Amino acid sequence: MYRIIKNREIAKNVFELVVENELIASHFKPGQFVVVMPDETSEKIPLTIYKTEGSCVSMIYQVVGKTTYDLSKKNDYIFSILGPLGKPSIILNMEAKKVLFVAGGVGIAPVIPQAVELKKRGVICDLIYGMKTIDNCILKDDIDKYFDDVIIVTEDNTADHIGLVTDYVDDLCYDFIITIGPVIMMKKVVELAEELKVPSIVSMNPIMIDGTGMCGACRLFYDGIIHYACIDGPEFIGAKVDFDSLIKRMDMYKTIEGRKYLEEIEGDTHHGGCGNCEQ
């Protein structure tokens, strides 16, 4: 059991969860995530680490089903938290002077720790942050603190910039474009980055379900080879991700019939095992 320090709603159906876990807090690197179980019988859910402070781990999650709903009602302890999992952000091993982040919805959460680390290195960090309406904007204080130029885009008329995030992506001598959010948004950003001849990095957090390599939800083709976001990522070089096959597979995975079909045709590659052994 792990003690909850805070579990508060910061936007409609979006929560900040702070849990005490010194081991995870001391080993976390930007880009990594945790797997949480609210109760002993709960499903496992992968959650983005937004920041660590002392022995506390802060995560951002959106209520999208029963397990996250159950989590939103917890105020004392959660049953389990495992991590940090996944590989650290790719950008941490790259040389860069100016980086553009393109985030959608709660995809802003994993962006923050990357920007924090890059700012320590003197990197200029700009942000384009998209959402349906301005009421969905979260972590505004951190955005103001860690980004140099910020464009907030809404689909309605509640912000100064209206439309899609891709409407505002421009080549301003960026070394990298990093995008985190809905898969279709990331696909469009990568395509635009290719047109601008700027290398891109994507985070596949949104397609993970189990987070430990067992469910097969995050299987994708990367550079023509089968990878699993929770084991091999969650970040990948954008131009090497086969988004078309990924989106088609995601649609099939939504139904029981579709999952059974994928299990049949994918065989031993349907999932990544435990994530700790050779495939």
Protein backbone atom coordinates (compact mmCIF):
# COMPACT_ATOMS: atom_id res chain seq x y z
CA MET A 1 0.00 0.00 0.00
CA TYR A 2 1.25 3.46 -0.88
CA ARG A 3 0.10 6.65 0.77
CA ILE A 4 -1.71 9.27 -1.28
CA ILE A 5 -0.53 12.80 -0.55
CA LYS A 6 -2.91 14.45 -3.00
CA ASN A 7 -5.56 13.36 -5.50
CA ARG A 8 -7.32 16.42 -6.87
CA GLU A 9 -9.25 17.34 -10.00
CA ILE A 10 -7.36 20.02 -11.95
CA ALA A 11 -9.70 20.13 -14.97
CA LYS A 12 -12.87 18.29 -15.91
CA ASN A 13 -12.12 14.57 -15.44
CA VAL A 14 -8.37 15.26 -15.20
CA PHE A 15 -6.61 14.62 -11.90
CA GLU A 16 -3.22 15.15 -10.30
CA LEU A 17 -2.24 12.20 -8.12
CA VAL A 18 0.69 12.51 -5.71
CA VAL A 19 1.91 9.32 -4.05
CA GLU A 20 4.74 8.71 -1.63
CA ASN A 21 7.39 6.40 -3.08
CA GLU A 22 11.00 7.35 -2.47
CA LEU A 23 12.47 4.64 -4.73
CA ILE A 24 10.54 5.77 -7.82
CA ALA A 25 11.06 9.45 -7.02
CA SER A 26 14.83 9.03 -6.79
CA HIS A 27 15.21 6.95 -9.97
CA PHE A 28 12.77 8.67 -12.35
CA LYS A 29 14.04 10.19 -15.58
CA PRO A 30 11.94 12.29 -17.99
CA GLY A 31 9.95 10.11 -20.38
CA GLN A 32 9.39 7.24 -17.97
CA PHE A 33 6.07 6.13 -16.50
CA VAL A 34 4.56 4.02 -13.72
CA VAL A 35 1.89 1.32 -13.54
CA VAL A 36 -0.73 1.83 -10.83
CA MET A 37 -3.38 -0.42 -9.27
CA PRO A 38 -5.89 1.49 -7.12
CA ASP A 39 -7.05 -1.72 -5.40
CA GLU A 40 -5.89 -5.33 -5.21
CA THR A 41 -8.43 -6.45 -7.82
CA SER A 42 -8.03 -3.42 -10.12
CA GLU A 43 -6.68 -3.50 -13.64
CA LYS A 44 -3.18 -2.13 -14.11
CA ILE A 45 -3.03 1.35 -15.63
CA PRO A 46 0.08 3.15 -16.93
CA LEU A 47 0.32 6.75 -15.74
CA THR A 48 2.58 9.58 -16.81
CA ILE A 49 4.99 10.96 -14.23
CA TYR A 50 4.66 14.72 -14.25
CA LYS A 51 7.28 15.52 -11.61
CA THR A 52 9.00 14.22 -8.50
CA GLU A 53 9.75 16.15 -5.34
CA GLY A 54 11.51 14.60 -2.37
CA SER A 55 9.91 11.20 -1.86
CA CYS A 56 6.74 12.15 -3.75
CA VAL A 57 5.74 11.13 -7.27
CA SER A 58 3.21 13.31 -9.12
CA MET A 59 1.13 11.85 -11.95
CA ILE A 60 -1.55 13.21 -14.26
CA TYR A 61 -4.44 11.01 -15.36
CA GLN A 62 -7.78 11.34 -17.11
CA VAL A 63 -10.91 9.48 -16.06
CA VAL A 64 -11.79 7.37 -19.09
CA GLY A 65 -13.08 4.12 -17.56
CA LYS A 66 -13.84 2.21 -14.37
CA THR A 67 -10.27 1.88 -13.09
CA THR A 68 -9.42 5.55 -13.48
CA TYR A 69 -12.82 6.44 -12.02
CA ASP A 70 -12.08 4.22 -8.99
CA LEU A 71 -8.67 5.88 -8.70
CA SER A 72 -10.26 9.33 -8.68
CA LYS A 73 -12.22 8.34 -5.56
CA LYS A 74 -9.17 7.23 -3.57
CA ASN A 75 -7.89 9.58 -0.88
CA ASP A 76 -5.81 7.47 1.48
CA TYR A 77 -3.80 4.66 -0.17
CA ILE A 78 -3.38 2.91 -3.51
CA PHE A 79 -2.63 -0.80 -3.63
CA SER A 80 0.35 -0.74 -5.99
CA ILE A 81 2.67 1.52 -7.97
CA LEU A 82 5.43 0.01 -10.13
CA GLY A 83 8.22 1.93 -11.82
CA PRO A 84 9.85 3.87 -13.17
CA LEU A 85 9.22 1.97 -16.42
CA GLY A 86 10.15 2.64 -20.03
CA LYS A 87 13.23 4.28 -21.44
CA PRO A 88 14.16 7.90 -20.71
CA SER A 89 13.39 10.58 -23.28
CA ILE A 90 15.36 10.35 -26.51
CA ILE A 91 16.03 14.09 -26.53
CA LEU A 92 18.17 13.75 -23.39
CA ASN A 93 20.83 12.04 -25.50
CA MET A 94 20.65 14.51 -28.40
CA GLU A 95 22.43 17.77 -29.07
CA ALA A 96 19.91 20.58 -29.37
CA LYS A 97 19.74 24.34 -29.00
CA LYS A 98 16.07 24.88 -29.80
CA VAL A 99 13.20 22.40 -29.46
CA LEU A 100 9.49 22.62 -30.25
CA PHE A 101 7.05 20.60 -28.17
CA VAL A 102 3.59 19.91 -29.61
CA ALA A 103 1.21 18.53 -26.98
CA GLY A 104 -2.45 17.60 -27.02
CA GLY A 105 -4.69 17.30 -23.97
CA VAL A 106 -3.06 15.48 -21.05
CA GLY A 107 -0.05 14.93 -23.32
CA ILE A 108 1.29 18.11 -21.74
CA ALA A 109 2.19 16.14 -18.58
CA PRO A 110 5.20 14.15 -19.91
CA VAL A 111 6.38 17.28 -21.74
CA ILE A 112 7.00 19.23 -18.52
CA PRO A 113 9.86 17.13 -17.06
CA GLN A 114 11.59 17.09 -20.45
CA ALA A 115 11.42 20.86 -20.65
CA VAL A 116 12.70 21.17 -17.08
CA GLU A 117 15.78 19.10 -17.93
CA LEU A 118 16.41 20.85 -21.25
CA LYS A 119 16.19 24.30 -19.67
CA LYS A 120 18.95 23.28 -17.25
CA ARG A 121 21.11 22.74 -20.34
CA GLY A 122 20.25 26.12 -21.82
CA VAL A 123 17.99 24.76 -24.56
CA ILE A 124 15.24 27.05 -25.89
CA CYS A 125 11.90 25.25 -25.48
CA ASP A 126 8.79 26.40 -27.33
CA LEU A 127 5.33 24.89 -26.95
CA ILE A 128 2.18 24.48 -29.02
CA TYR A 129 -0.54 23.06 -26.76
CA GLY A 130 -3.87 21.96 -28.21
CA MET A 131 -7.22 21.17 -26.57
CA LYS A 132 -10.94 21.27 -27.24
CA THR A 133 -11.60 24.29 -25.03
CA ILE A 134 -9.55 26.49 -22.72
CA ASP A 135 -11.14 24.85 -19.65
CA ASN A 136 -9.09 21.75 -20.54
CA CYS A 137 -5.81 23.63 -20.07
CA ILE A 138 -3.73 22.19 -17.24
CA LEU A 139 -0.35 22.88 -15.62
CA LYS A 140 -0.39 26.52 -16.74
CA ASP A 141 2.08 27.66 -14.07
CA ASP A 142 4.65 25.12 -15.26
CA ILE A 143 4.03 26.07 -18.88
CA ASP A 144 4.72 29.72 -18.11
CA LYS A 145 7.84 28.81 -16.14
CA TYR A 146 9.58 26.37 -18.47
CA PHE A 147 8.70 27.43 -22.02
CA ASP A 148 9.99 30.41 -23.95
CA ASP A 149 7.24 30.86 -26.54
CA VAL A 150 3.79 29.35 -26.00
CA ILE A 151 0.83 28.99 -28.34
CA ILE A 152 -2.37 27.58 -26.83
CA VAL A 153 -4.79 26.30 -29.48
CA THR A 154 -8.43 25.40 -28.93
CA GLU A 155 -11.00 23.89 -31.26
CA ASP A 156 -13.56 26.49 -30.19
CA ASN A 157 -13.11 30.23 -29.78
CA THR A 158 -11.98 30.24 -26.14
CA ALA A 159 -8.31 31.00 -26.89
CA ASP A 160 -6.48 33.45 -29.12
CA HIS A 161 -5.51 30.64 -31.49
CA ILE A 162 -8.25 28.48 -33.00
CA GLY A 163 -7.96 25.27 -34.99
CA LEU A 164 -5.45 22.43 -34.92
CA VAL A 165 -1.92 22.41 -33.51
CA THR A 166 -0.56 21.67 -36.97
CA ASP A 167 -1.92 25.01 -38.17
CA TYR A 168 0.74 26.70 -36.06
CA VAL A 169 3.80 24.49 -36.55
CA ASP A 170 6.45 26.41 -38.47
CA ASP A 171 10.14 25.93 -39.17
CA LEU A 172 11.82 28.41 -36.88
CA CYS A 173 15.20 26.68 -36.93
CA TYR A 174 14.19 23.91 -34.54
CA ASP A 175 16.59 21.04 -33.96
CA PHE A 176 13.76 18.70 -32.97
CA ILE A 177 9.96 18.62 -32.82
CA ILE A 178 8.65 16.48 -29.96
CA THR A 179 4.97 15.58 -29.98
CA ILE A 180 2.81 13.84 -27.38
CA GLY A 181 -0.96 13.46 -27.60
CA PRO A 182 -3.63 11.63 -29.61
CA VAL A 183 -2.11 9.28 -32.21
CA ILE A 184 -3.73 11.00 -35.19
CA MET A 185 -2.34 14.34 -33.98
CA MET A 186 1.15 12.90 -33.64
CA LYS A 187 0.90 11.41 -37.15
CA LYS A 188 0.04 14.81 -38.63
CA VAL A 189 2.81 16.55 -36.69
CA VAL A 190 5.37 13.98 -37.89
CA GLU A 191 4.24 14.44 -41.50
CA LEU A 192 4.60 18.19 -41.16
CA ALA A 193 8.02 17.82 -39.52
CA GLU A 194 9.13 15.70 -42.47
CA GLU A 195 8.03 18.44 -44.87
CA LEU A 196 10.01 20.95 -42.83
CA LYS A 197 12.99 18.56 -42.70
CA VAL A 198 13.06 18.66 -38.90
CA PRO A 199 13.57 15.38 -37.00
CA SER A 200 10.64 14.44 -34.78
CA ILE A 201 10.15 12.37 -31.64
CA VAL A 202 6.82 10.87 -30.59
CA SER A 203 5.63 9.35 -27.31
CA MET A 204 3.38 6.30 -27.52
CA ASN A 205 2.03 6.64 -23.97
CA PRO A 206 -1.54 7.03 -25.34
CA ILE A 207 -1.64 3.50 -26.82
CA MET A 208 -0.49 1.67 -23.67
CA ILE A 209 -3.03 -0.24 -21.56
CA ASP A 210 -1.20 -2.75 -19.36
CA GLY A 211 2.20 -1.05 -19.42
CA THR A 212 4.14 -4.27 -18.75
CA GLY A 213 4.30 -5.93 -22.17
CA MET A 214 1.54 -8.49 -21.55
CA CYS A 215 -1.57 -7.12 -23.26
CA GLY A 216 -0.32 -6.42 -26.78
CA ALA A 217 -2.15 -3.10 -27.07
CA CYS A 218 0.97 -1.06 -27.79
CA ARG A 219 2.47 -3.27 -30.53
CA LEU A 220 3.67 -1.22 -33.48
CA PHE A 221 6.01 -1.36 -36.45
CA TYR A 222 9.06 0.81 -35.96
CA ASP A 223 11.59 0.98 -38.76
CA GLY A 224 9.87 -2.11 -40.17
CA ILE A 225 10.37 -4.16 -37.00
CA ILE A 226 7.82 -5.07 -34.30
CA HIS A 227 8.23 -3.01 -31.14
CA TYR A 228 6.18 -2.49 -27.97
CA ALA A 229 5.74 1.03 -26.61
CA CYS A 230 5.86 -0.03 -22.96
CA ILE A 231 9.09 -2.01 -23.35
CA ASP A 232 10.97 -0.41 -26.24
CA GLY A 233 9.65 3.12 -25.74
CA PRO A 234 7.52 4.93 -24.95
CA GLU A 235 9.39 7.35 -27.25
CA PHE A 236 10.38 6.73 -30.85
CA ILE A 237 11.78 8.66 -33.80
CA GLY A 238 8.59 9.86 -35.48
CA ALA A 239 9.55 9.20 -39.12
CA LYS A 240 10.23 5.52 -38.37
CA VAL A 241 6.77 4.78 -36.90
CA ASP A 242 4.25 3.13 -39.23
CA PHE A 243 1.26 5.21 -38.18
CA ASP A 244 -1.10 3.80 -40.81
CA SER A 245 -0.79 0.20 -39.59
CA LEU A 246 -0.86 1.41 -35.98
CA ILE A 247 -4.13 3.30 -36.40
CA LYS A 248 -5.72 0.36 -38.22
CA ARG A 249 -4.62 -2.00 -35.45
CA MET A 250 -5.91 0.33 -32.72
CA ASP A 251 -9.36 0.31 -34.33
CA MET A 252 -9.37 -3.51 -34.37
CA TYR A 253 -8.15 -3.72 -30.77
CA LYS A 254 -11.23 -1.88 -29.51
CA THR A 255 -13.48 -4.96 -29.83
CA ILE A 256 -13.19 -8.44 -28.31
CA GLU A 257 -13.57 -9.95 -31.78
CA GLY A 258 -10.82 -7.71 -33.10
CA ARG A 259 -8.44 -8.61 -30.27
CA LYS A 260 -9.02 -12.34 -30.83
CA TYR A 261 -8.30 -11.89 -34.52
CA LEU A 262 -5.07 -10.02 -33.76
CA GLU A 263 -3.99 -12.73 -31.31
CA GLU A 264 -4.54 -15.33 -34.02
CA ILE A 265 -2.67 -13.63 -36.85
CA GLU A 266 0.14 -12.16 -34.74
CA GLY A 267 0.94 -15.32 -32.80
CA ASP A 268 3.90 -15.06 -30.46
CA THR A 269 4.47 -11.43 -31.41
CA HIS A 270 1.01 -10.34 -30.21
CA HIS A 271 2.50 -9.13 -26.93
CA GLY A 272 5.95 -8.46 -25.58
CA GLY A 273 6.03 -11.00 -22.77
CA CYS A 274 6.99 -9.68 -19.36
CA GLY A 275 9.34 -7.07 -20.76
CA ASN A 276 12.32 -8.54 -18.93
CA CYS A 277 13.24 -11.48 -21.15
CA GLU A 278 14.43 -12.02 -24.71
CA GLN A 279 11.70 -12.15 -27.34
